[in-house]
Amino acid sequence: MKRYIVLVITFYSIIASGQVKNNYEVVDKQISKIDAGSGKSTQDIANYIKDNFKTDDDKIRAVFYWTASNISYDVENMFAVNFNESKEDKINKALKNKKGVCINYAEVFNDIANKAGIESVVIEGYTKQNGFTDYISHAWCGAKIDGKWFVFDPTWGSGSIAAGKFVKKINNYYFKTNPSKIITSHMSFDYLWQFLDYPITNEEFYKGNFAVNKSKVKFDYDSEIEKYNSLSEIEKLVSSADRIEKNGVKNAMIFDRLAYKRNEVEFLKVNKIVSLYNEGIGEFNTFVTFRNNQFKPNVSDDELKKMITSPKDKLLKSKELLDNLGTVSKSNQANITSLSTGINQAISQSEEHFLFVEKYLGKSKLARKTMFTKVSWFGIPLN
């Protein structure tokens, strides 16, 4: 199956904000001593952090400071978004060039944090500064420190753009920010990552209505995050898409992200069906070869029956999943039709061989041999 990608035009910007006093001078000084060669690998950076810092608070500061200090905002390529880049590609490019846009900052921060033993996530959304809601997307991070979630924006925390050039200056406002404060400027597409008991809607974000509204149903984001982490990849996409839609599709960025997640769900579901179908076909072909060899070398009756039952069951399961797929995008309808035809044909053939095996197993050892040759009596078939 050919994978399709929804091109979400995602650009990133950084804007200066108020500074916050730095209480981590010792940590900053220590992480600055890391060997230059270690900066080429998030694992090496994480190992250095684990070896030199004991508390999660110091560790996450080291992650933030290293990321914000060692990566510069790539102003020249801020609009050159490669939608085929994997997470690893984004990280490796940033470590190699020491440049990147916000998704690079976020992925590097997140990877180092997780490898240092801290629960962290990349958050996608959009932003507001000075009353203006931006029309380009942004990415930042959330990390759980001593049982509480905080927000980290290593991109905005690394400096600012002045006269078209990046000016490096650590901004501690975006380090370990309380979710109730960062919500005035950072709006996640999925409200799960607001880390608020009473998440705000996109409409409220646009209007600047950030007051806690306890008339809403309280949202236990901690338990919801635990539940989310236990889901399969497809289930995560579905639950996230549902929350995005529920919170109001207020702008093109939200629409694009929602469409991407819905399409990704379809892709993964179809990919799962194709994988199951291919497994069934592979096992079925193995059985056909074995039958052509007159079931030689000998196997037990149970093994023989399993050789045809397994591929048949996989083909039937792939048909069930396909039948329950629901409405598919127009770009994928031809593929689905072709896949359905292939599955139905394979099921029909596997059923014929299954019936042959059942008949074979119901006969004596001597009679079984005759099933591989046509025996007749004066032109009348006897088997």
Protein backbone atom coordinates (compact mmCIF):
# COMPACT_ATOMS: atom_id res chain seq x y z
CA MET A 1 0.00 0.00 0.00
CA LYS A 2 1.24 3.47 -0.81
CA ARG A 3 1.37 5.79 2.15
CA TYR A 4 -0.11 9.24 1.71
CA ILE A 5 0.91 12.30 3.70
CA VAL A 6 -1.15 15.35 4.48
CA LEU A 7 1.19 18.32 4.09
CA VAL A 8 0.61 20.46 7.12
CA ILE A 9 2.34 23.79 6.54
CA THR A 10 4.11 24.17 9.85
CA PHE A 11 6.41 27.13 10.37
CA TYR A 12 8.08 28.22 13.55
CA SER A 13 9.06 31.51 15.11
CA ILE A 14 10.57 32.77 18.33
CA ILE A 15 9.73 35.96 20.14
CA ALA A 16 11.45 37.46 23.15
CA SER A 17 9.63 37.67 26.48
CA GLY A 18 10.33 38.70 30.06
CA GLN A 19 13.32 37.19 31.83
CA VAL A 20 13.16 35.14 35.02
CA LYS A 21 15.93 34.92 37.60
CA ASN A 22 18.24 31.95 37.14
CA ASN A 23 18.67 29.78 40.22
CA TYR A 24 20.61 27.09 38.39
CA GLU A 25 24.02 28.67 37.86
CA VAL A 26 25.83 25.62 39.27
CA VAL A 27 23.92 23.26 36.99
CA ASP A 28 24.47 25.48 33.95
CA LYS A 29 28.19 25.65 34.64
CA GLN A 30 28.48 21.88 35.05
CA ILE A 31 26.54 20.97 31.89
CA SER A 32 28.67 23.47 29.97
CA LYS A 33 31.71 21.34 30.75
CA ILE A 34 30.43 18.38 28.73
CA ASP A 35 32.91 17.14 26.14
CA ALA A 36 32.21 18.47 22.65
CA GLY A 37 32.25 14.95 21.25
CA SER A 38 29.41 13.92 23.57
CA GLY A 39 27.22 16.58 22.00
CA LYS A 40 26.85 14.45 18.89
CA SER A 41 24.62 11.90 20.63
CA THR A 42 21.56 12.39 22.82
CA GLN A 43 22.50 9.18 24.64
CA ASP A 44 25.96 10.55 25.49
CA ILE A 45 24.42 13.81 26.70
CA ALA A 46 21.89 11.90 28.80
CA ASN A 47 24.64 9.71 30.27
CA TYR A 48 26.64 12.80 31.25
CA ILE A 49 23.56 14.30 32.89
CA LYS A 50 22.83 11.10 34.85
CA ASP A 51 26.45 10.91 36.00
CA ASN A 52 26.65 14.53 37.15
CA PHE A 53 23.22 15.39 38.53
CA LYS A 54 21.15 13.57 41.14
CA THR A 55 17.73 15.22 41.23
CA ASP A 56 15.22 15.33 38.38
CA ASP A 57 15.03 19.10 38.87
CA ASP A 58 18.75 19.49 38.16
CA LYS A 59 18.62 16.95 35.35
CA ILE A 60 15.82 18.70 33.50
CA ARG A 61 17.62 22.03 33.92
CA ALA A 62 20.71 20.47 32.36
CA VAL A 63 18.59 19.17 29.46
CA PHE A 64 17.03 22.59 28.90
CA TYR A 65 20.29 24.53 29.21
CA TRP A 66 22.23 22.21 26.92
CA THR A 67 19.51 22.29 24.24
CA ALA A 68 18.91 26.05 24.39
CA SER A 69 22.65 26.82 24.52
CA ASN A 70 23.91 24.48 21.84
CA ILE A 71 21.25 24.81 19.14
CA SER A 72 20.73 28.05 17.24
CA TYR A 73 17.51 28.94 15.49
CA ASP A 74 17.81 28.27 11.75
CA VAL A 75 16.32 31.48 10.41
CA GLU A 76 17.32 30.78 6.80
CA ASN A 77 15.46 27.47 6.73
CA MET A 78 12.55 28.28 8.99
CA PHE A 79 10.12 27.71 6.10
CA ALA A 80 11.91 24.68 4.57
CA VAL A 81 9.89 21.97 6.30
CA ASN A 82 10.64 18.35 5.36
CA PHE A 83 7.50 16.35 6.05
CA ASN A 84 9.25 13.02 5.46
CA GLU A 85 11.79 13.54 8.23
CA SER A 86 11.65 11.03 11.06
CA LYS A 87 12.17 11.97 14.69
CA GLU A 88 15.69 10.58 14.45
CA ASP A 89 16.42 12.69 11.36
CA LYS A 90 15.27 15.85 13.14
CA ILE A 91 17.47 15.08 16.13
CA ASN A 92 20.55 14.08 14.15
CA LYS A 93 20.36 17.13 11.88
CA ALA A 94 20.15 19.47 14.87
CA LEU A 95 23.06 17.78 16.66
CA LYS A 96 25.19 17.78 13.54
CA ASN A 97 24.53 21.35 12.41
CA LYS A 98 23.80 22.83 15.85
CA LYS A 99 20.86 24.52 14.13
CA GLY A 100 17.17 23.85 13.84
CA VAL A 101 13.61 25.12 14.10
CA CYS A 102 11.33 24.49 17.05
CA ILE A 103 10.54 20.88 16.23
CA ASN A 104 14.28 20.15 16.25
CA TYR A 105 14.70 21.85 19.63
CA ALA A 106 11.70 19.97 21.01
CA GLU A 107 12.77 16.56 19.72
CA VAL A 108 16.32 16.97 21.06
CA PHE A 109 15.07 18.13 24.47
CA ASN A 110 12.52 15.32 24.63
CA ASP A 111 14.96 12.59 23.62
CA ILE A 112 17.65 13.64 26.10
CA ALA A 113 15.09 13.97 28.90
CA ASN A 114 13.59 10.53 28.29
CA LYS A 115 17.02 8.92 28.07
CA ALA A 116 17.98 10.65 31.32
CA GLY A 117 15.00 8.94 32.98
CA ILE A 118 12.53 11.82 32.94
CA GLU A 119 9.05 11.44 31.46
CA SER A 120 8.78 13.97 28.66
CA VAL A 121 6.61 14.61 25.60
CA VAL A 122 6.71 16.79 22.50
CA ILE A 123 3.71 19.10 22.31
CA GLU A 124 2.38 20.61 19.08
CA GLY A 125 0.19 23.65 18.93
CA TYR A 126 0.13 27.37 18.19
CA THR A 127 0.97 30.53 20.09
CA LYS A 128 -0.07 34.03 21.05
CA GLN A 129 2.12 37.06 21.79
CA ASN A 130 1.04 40.62 22.61
CA GLY A 131 -2.59 39.74 21.94
CA PHE A 132 -1.85 38.38 18.46
CA THR A 133 -2.55 34.73 17.74
CA ASP A 134 0.05 33.46 15.32
CA TYR A 135 -0.93 31.75 12.09
CA ILE A 136 2.02 29.34 12.15
CA SER A 137 2.40 26.25 14.31
CA HIS A 138 4.89 25.71 17.10
CA ALA A 139 6.34 22.81 19.10
CA TRP A 140 7.51 22.66 22.71
CA CYS A 141 7.74 20.08 25.51
CA GLY A 142 6.18 18.92 28.75
CA ALA A 143 8.09 17.01 31.43
CA LYS A 144 7.03 15.48 34.72
CA ILE A 145 9.26 16.61 37.59
CA ASP A 146 8.71 15.25 41.10
CA GLY A 147 5.22 14.10 40.19
CA LYS A 148 4.08 17.34 38.54
CA TRP A 149 3.94 18.35 34.89
CA PHE A 150 5.71 21.51 33.74
CA VAL A 151 6.13 23.14 30.34
CA PHE A 152 9.47 23.79 28.62
CA ASP A 153 10.03 25.72 25.42
CA PRO A 154 13.72 25.35 24.51
CA THR A 155 13.18 27.29 21.27
CA TRP A 156 11.78 30.48 22.80
CA GLY A 157 14.12 29.92 25.72
CA SER A 158 17.21 29.98 23.49
CA GLY A 159 17.00 33.57 22.26
CA SER A 160 15.12 35.74 19.80
CA ILE A 161 15.12 37.00 16.22
CA ALA A 162 16.14 40.60 15.65
CA ALA A 163 16.44 42.17 12.18
CA GLY A 164 16.17 38.74 10.60
CA LYS A 165 19.02 37.28 12.65
CA PHE A 166 19.01 34.93 15.61
CA VAL A 167 20.31 36.42 18.85
CA LYS A 168 21.22 33.80 21.43
CA LYS A 169 20.19 34.59 25.00
CA ILE A 170 18.77 32.10 27.50
CA ASN A 171 15.27 33.07 28.58
CA ASN A 172 14.38 31.28 31.81
CA TYR A 173 10.71 32.19 31.59
CA TYR A 174 10.31 29.17 29.30
CA PHE A 175 12.05 26.79 31.70
CA LYS A 176 9.81 24.71 33.97
CA THR A 177 6.87 27.03 33.44
CA ASN A 178 3.65 26.42 35.32
CA PRO A 179 0.95 25.21 32.88
CA SER A 180 -1.49 27.82 34.24
CA LYS A 181 0.92 30.58 33.15
CA ILE A 182 2.14 29.23 29.80
CA ILE A 183 -1.45 28.72 28.62
CA THR A 184 -1.66 32.46 27.94
CA SER A 185 0.85 32.06 25.09
CA HIS A 186 1.03 28.34 24.21
CA MET A 187 -2.08 26.45 23.06
CA SER A 188 -1.68 22.74 22.37
CA PHE A 189 -3.74 21.18 19.60
CA ASP A 190 -4.66 18.36 21.99
CA TYR A 191 -5.94 19.74 25.31
CA LEU A 192 -4.50 16.70 27.11
CA TRP A 193 -1.16 18.52 27.05
CA GLN A 194 -2.46 21.70 28.66
CA PHE A 195 -1.95 19.92 32.01
CA LEU A 196 -4.94 21.81 33.42
CA ASP A 197 -7.86 20.61 35.55
CA TYR A 198 -10.15 22.80 33.47
CA PRO A 199 -8.69 22.99 29.94
CA ILE A 200 -9.58 26.00 27.84
CA THR A 201 -11.07 25.79 24.37
CA ASN A 202 -9.57 27.28 21.24
CA GLU A 203 -12.35 29.87 21.27
CA GLU A 204 -11.37 30.91 24.80
CA PHE A 205 -7.71 31.11 23.82
CA TYR A 206 -8.53 33.47 20.96
CA LYS A 207 -10.63 35.66 23.23
CA GLY A 208 -7.97 35.70 25.93
CA ASN A 209 -10.33 34.09 28.43
CA PHE A 210 -7.85 32.23 30.64
CA ALA A 211 -9.79 32.35 33.91
CA VAL A 212 -10.35 28.98 35.59
CA ASN A 213 -13.92 27.89 34.85
CA LYS A 214 -14.97 25.37 37.49
CA SER A 215 -18.41 25.05 35.96
CA LYS A 216 -16.73 22.71 33.48
CA VAL A 217 -16.25 19.02 34.27
CA LYS A 218 -12.90 18.59 36.02
CA PHE A 219 -10.34 16.91 33.78
CA ASP A 220 -8.02 14.45 35.52
CA TYR A 221 -5.14 14.91 33.10
CA ASP A 222 -2.73 12.76 35.11
CA SER A 223 -4.93 9.66 34.87
CA GLU A 224 -5.83 10.50 31.27
CA ILE A 225 -2.14 10.69 30.36
CA GLU A 226 -1.55 7.31 32.00
CA LYS A 227 -4.48 5.90 30.06
CA TYR A 228 -3.17 7.46 26.84
CA ASN A 229 0.28 5.95 27.36
CA SER A 230 -1.25 2.46 27.62
CA LEU A 231 -2.94 2.73 24.21
CA SER A 232 -1.72 1.36 20.90
CA GLU A 233 -0.40 3.81 18.32
CA ILE A 234 -3.70 3.79 16.44
CA GLU A 235 -5.71 4.26 19.63
CA LYS A 236 -3.50 7.20 20.62
CA LEU A 237 -4.16 8.90 17.30
CA VAL A 238 -7.90 8.32 17.55
CA SER A 239 -8.16 9.65 21.12
CA SER A 240 -6.02 12.68 20.29
CA ALA A 241 -8.02 13.47 17.17
CA ASP A 242 -11.26 13.22 19.14
CA ARG A 243 -9.98 15.70 21.73
CA ILE A 244 -8.74 18.09 19.04
CA GLU A 245 -12.13 18.07 17.33
CA LYS A 246 -13.99 18.40 20.63
CA ASN A 247 -12.01 21.52 21.56
CA GLY A 248 -13.09 23.38 18.45
CA VAL A 249 -11.48 23.61 15.00
CA LYS A 250 -10.85 27.32 15.16
CA ASN A 251 -8.14 27.79 12.55
CA ALA A 252 -6.36 26.16 9.61
CA MET A 253 -3.54 24.87 11.82
CA ILE A 254 -5.97 22.90 13.96
CA PHE A 255 -7.83 21.68 10.86
CA ASP A 256 -4.60 20.46 9.27
CA ARG A 257 -3.44 18.69 12.44
CA LEU A 258 -6.82 17.02 12.86
CA ALA A 259 -6.85 15.92 9.21
CA TYR A 260 -3.32 14.57 9.54
CA LYS A 261 -4.21 12.48 12.59
CA ARG A 262 -7.40 11.12 10.99
CA ASN A 263 -5.49 10.21 7.83
CA GLU A 264 -2.69 8.67 9.85
CA VAL A 265 -5.25 6.48 11.64
CA GLU A 266 -6.54 5.30 8.28
CA PHE A 267 -3.02 4.63 7.04
CA LEU A 268 -2.06 2.61 10.11
CA LYS A 269 -5.28 0.62 10.02
CA VAL A 270 -4.82 -0.20 6.34
CA ASN A 271 -1.16 -0.99 6.94
CA LYS A 272 -2.16 -3.41 9.70
CA ILE A 273 -4.61 -5.12 7.35
CA VAL A 274 -2.01 -5.36 4.59
CA SER A 275 0.55 -6.79 7.02
CA LEU A 276 -1.91 -9.42 8.26
CA TYR A 277 -2.91 -10.24 4.67
CA ASN A 278 0.73 -10.65 3.63
CA GLU A 279 1.40 -12.94 6.59
CA GLY A 280 -1.60 -15.06 5.63
CA ILE A 281 -0.52 -15.23 1.98
CA GLY A 282 3.02 -16.21 2.99
CA GLU A 283 1.80 -19.04 5.21
CA PHE A 284 -0.73 -20.11 2.58
CA ASN A 285 1.96 -20.36 -0.10
CA THR A 286 4.07 -22.44 2.26
CA PHE A 287 1.13 -24.81 2.72
CA VAL A 288 0.51 -25.09 -1.04
CA THR A 289 4.16 -26.03 -1.58
CA PHE A 290 3.88 -28.62 1.18
CA ARG A 291 0.72 -30.06 -0.40
CA ASN A 292 2.42 -30.23 -3.81
CA ASN A 293 5.07 -32.35 -2.10
CA GLN A 294 2.28 -34.66 -0.91
CA PHE A 295 2.71 -33.52 2.69
CA LYS A 296 6.34 -34.58 2.84
CA PRO A 297 8.25 -34.65 5.12
CA ASN A 298 5.66 -36.13 7.46
CA VAL A 299 4.12 -33.98 10.20
CA SER A 300 1.48 -34.76 12.80
CA ASP A 301 -2.18 -34.34 11.96
CA ASP A 302 -2.41 -31.39 14.35
CA GLU A 303 0.55 -29.67 12.71
CA LEU A 304 -0.90 -30.25 9.27
CA LYS A 305 -4.25 -28.79 10.22
CA LYS A 306 -2.53 -25.80 11.79
CA MET A 307 -0.61 -25.17 8.57
CA ILE A 308 -3.84 -24.36 6.75
CA THR A 309 -5.88 -23.03 9.66
CA SER A 310 -3.38 -20.30 10.55
CA PRO A 311 -3.27 -18.61 7.13
CA LYS A 312 -7.00 -19.00 6.70
CA ASP A 313 -7.66 -17.32 10.06
CA LYS A 314 -5.31 -14.46 9.22
CA LEU A 315 -7.00 -13.88 5.90
CA LEU A 316 -10.43 -13.93 7.54
CA LYS A 317 -9.23 -11.48 10.19
CA SER A 318 -7.85 -9.14 7.55
CA LYS A 319 -11.25 -9.23 5.81
CA GLU A 320 -13.01 -8.46 9.10
CA LEU A 321 -10.75 -5.48 9.76
CA LEU A 322 -11.22 -4.24 6.20
CA ASP A 323 -15.01 -4.56 6.43
CA ASN A 324 -14.97 -2.51 9.64
CA LEU A 325 -12.61 0.16 8.28
CA GLY A 326 -15.48 2.51 7.51
CA THR A 327 -15.28 5.41 5.08
CA VAL A 328 -11.88 5.84 3.46
CA SER A 329 -10.36 8.83 1.74
CA LYS A 330 -10.77 9.14 -2.01
CA SER A 331 -7.02 8.87 -2.53
CA ASN A 332 -7.05 5.42 -0.98
CA GLN A 333 -10.26 3.95 -2.37
CA ALA A 334 -8.60 2.20 -5.34
CA ASN A 335 -6.08 0.55 -3.04
CA ILE A 336 -8.83 -0.62 -0.70
CA THR A 337 -10.82 -2.11 -3.59
CA SER A 338 -7.77 -3.98 -4.87
CA LEU A 339 -6.94 -5.22 -1.39
CA SER A 340 -10.49 -6.42 -0.84
CA THR A 341 -10.44 -8.39 -4.11
CA GLY A 342 -7.15 -10.01 -3.18
CA ILE A 343 -8.33 -10.97 0.29
CA ASN A 344 -11.58 -12.50 -0.98
CA GLN A 345 -9.77 -14.56 -3.61
CA ALA A 346 -7.23 -15.80 -1.08
CA ILE A 347 -9.95 -16.74 1.40
CA SER A 348 -11.77 -18.72 -1.29
CA GLN A 349 -8.60 -20.64 -2.18
CA SER A 350 -7.67 -21.26 1.45
CA GLU A 351 -11.16 -22.64 2.09
CA GLU A 352 -10.71 -25.18 -0.72
CA HIS A 353 -7.42 -26.35 0.75
CA PHE A 354 -8.91 -26.41 4.25
CA LEU A 355 -11.69 -28.73 3.09
CA PHE A 356 -9.09 -30.92 1.38
CA VAL A 357 -7.15 -31.23 4.64
CA GLU A 358 -10.29 -32.06 6.62
CA LYS A 359 -11.17 -34.77 4.11
CA TYR A 360 -7.56 -36.00 4.13
CA LEU A 361 -7.44 -36.28 7.91
CA GLY A 362 -10.71 -38.23 7.92
CA LYS A 363 -9.22 -41.08 5.88
CA SER A 364 -6.96 -43.99 6.73
CA LYS A 365 -3.24 -43.72 6.02
CA LEU A 366 -3.60 -45.94 2.95
CA ALA A 367 -6.56 -43.96 1.59
CA ARG A 368 -4.73 -40.68 2.16
CA LYS A 369 -2.14 -41.59 -0.46
CA THR A 370 -4.78 -41.93 -3.15
CA MET A 371 -5.88 -38.31 -2.64
CA PHE A 372 -2.81 -37.03 -4.49
CA THR A 373 -3.63 -38.99 -7.65
CA LYS A 374 -6.82 -39.36 -9.66
CA VAL A 375 -8.23 -42.89 -9.44
CA SER A 376 -11.10 -43.99 -11.69
CA TRP A 377 -13.04 -47.14 -12.52
CA PHE A 378 -14.05 -47.34 -16.17
CA GLY A 379 -13.95 -43.51 -16.35
CA ILE A 380 -15.81 -43.01 -13.07
CA PRO A 381 -13.78 -40.97 -10.49
CA LEU A 382 -13.31 -42.87 -7.24
CA ASN A 383 -11.65 -40.01 -5.26
